[in-house]
Amino acid sequence: MTLDAELAAVWNEEIARAHNPAFSIAVMRRIERSLYRRALVLSIAIVAVATLLFIIVAPLLTSIWRQSFARSLNALTLVFLLSALSVFLSKCLRPLF
């Protein structure tokens, strides 16, 4: 077998493998798994940082809340503010995923 025939055989094999649906699905699964792992690790890191930040800042927020805002807000207003904050944070963090 000459070098040209050998190269043609390898080229045809590569083309056949690229058009093989099982190969394409395997590649897509591998990419999907890596993206899922990345998103999972990023989510865990964000939750860990948020938890640590909450643990550090919670006493200060509690004292400020009791001194200024607690008397003027009812439960429905608090639910609205927390939901608006969560929507805002999800919009800000969406490009990370």
Protein backbone atom coordinates (compact mmCIF):
# COMPACT_ATOMS: atom_id res chain seq x y z
CA MET A 1 0.00 0.00 0.00
CA THR A 2 1.38 3.37 -0.96
CA LEU A 3 1.45 6.38 1.26
CA ASP A 4 -1.32 8.08 -0.74
CA ALA A 5 -3.59 5.06 -0.42
CA GLU A 6 -2.84 4.83 3.28
CA LEU A 7 -3.65 8.51 3.79
CA ALA A 8 -6.84 8.15 1.77
CA ALA A 9 -7.90 5.19 3.93
CA VAL A 10 -7.26 7.15 7.14
CA TRP A 11 -9.11 10.17 5.69
CA ASN A 12 -12.12 8.05 4.74
CA GLU A 13 -12.12 6.47 8.19
CA GLU A 14 -12.14 9.92 9.82
CA ILE A 15 -15.01 11.05 7.60
CA ALA A 16 -16.96 7.88 8.39
CA ARG A 17 -16.37 8.33 12.12
CA ALA A 18 -17.47 11.98 11.94
CA HIS A 19 -20.74 10.93 10.31
CA ASN A 20 -21.28 8.07 12.73
CA PRO A 21 -24.30 8.94 14.93
CA ALA A 22 -23.00 6.90 17.87
CA PHE A 23 -19.72 8.81 17.81
CA SER A 24 -21.53 12.15 17.63
CA ILE A 25 -23.79 11.21 20.53
CA ALA A 26 -20.80 10.07 22.60
CA VAL A 27 -19.03 13.38 21.98
CA MET A 28 -22.17 15.35 22.87
CA ARG A 29 -22.60 13.33 26.07
CA ARG A 30 -19.01 14.02 27.09
CA ILE A 31 -19.47 17.74 26.46
CA GLU A 32 -22.78 17.75 28.34
CA ARG A 33 -21.23 15.97 31.32
CA SER A 34 -18.36 18.44 31.51
CA LEU A 35 -20.74 21.42 31.32
CA TYR A 36 -22.94 19.87 34.01
CA ARG A 37 -19.95 19.31 36.31
CA ARG A 38 -18.79 22.89 35.76
CA ALA A 39 -22.24 24.29 36.57
CA LEU A 40 -22.54 22.06 39.64
CA VAL A 41 -19.15 23.09 41.01
CA LEU A 42 -19.93 26.74 40.35
CA SER A 43 -23.31 26.44 42.08
CA ILE A 44 -21.75 24.77 45.12
CA ALA A 45 -19.08 27.48 45.28
CA ILE A 46 -21.68 30.25 45.08
CA VAL A 47 -23.76 28.64 47.83
CA ALA A 48 -20.68 28.22 50.04
CA VAL A 49 -19.63 31.84 49.59
CA ALA A 50 -23.18 33.08 50.20
CA THR A 51 -23.43 30.97 53.35
CA LEU A 52 -20.15 32.28 54.71
CA LEU A 53 -21.15 35.83 53.86
CA PHE A 54 -24.49 35.35 55.58
CA ILE A 55 -22.82 33.94 58.70
CA ILE A 56 -20.48 36.93 58.86
CA VAL A 57 -23.03 39.63 58.07
CA ALA A 58 -26.16 38.21 59.77
CA PRO A 59 -25.60 39.72 63.26
CA LEU A 60 -25.07 43.17 61.78
CA LEU A 61 -28.14 42.88 59.56
CA THR A 62 -30.24 41.67 62.49
CA SER A 63 -29.34 44.67 64.63
CA ILE A 64 -29.94 47.12 61.77
CA TRP A 65 -33.27 45.45 60.94
CA ARG A 66 -34.48 45.63 64.52
CA GLN A 67 -33.49 49.26 64.92
CA SER A 68 -34.88 50.71 61.72
CA PHE A 69 -37.03 48.62 59.38
CA ALA A 70 -38.85 46.06 61.51
CA ARG A 71 -41.62 48.38 62.66
CA SER A 72 -42.54 49.70 59.22
CA LEU A 73 -42.65 46.48 57.15
CA ASN A 74 -45.15 43.68 57.31
CA ALA A 75 -44.69 40.09 56.18
CA LEU A 76 -46.01 40.59 52.63
CA THR A 77 -43.62 43.46 52.00
CA LEU A 78 -40.75 41.36 53.29
CA VAL A 79 -41.70 38.46 50.98
CA PHE A 80 -41.88 40.85 48.02
CA LEU A 81 -38.47 42.34 48.80
CA LEU A 82 -36.84 38.93 49.21
CA SER A 83 -38.35 37.64 45.97
CA ALA A 84 -37.22 40.76 44.11
CA LEU A 85 -33.72 40.29 45.52
CA SER A 86 -33.64 36.63 44.45
CA VAL A 87 -34.79 37.50 40.91
CA PHE A 88 -32.14 40.21 40.70
CA LEU A 89 -29.40 37.83 41.85
CA SER A 90 -30.51 35.11 39.45
CA LYS A 91 -30.38 37.59 36.55
CA CYS A 92 -26.91 38.71 37.60
CA LEU A 93 -25.58 35.16 37.99
CA ARG A 94 -27.15 33.76 34.80
CA PRO A 95 -24.13 34.60 32.58
CA LEU A 96 -21.96 32.44 34.83
CA PHE A 97 -23.92 29.34 33.89
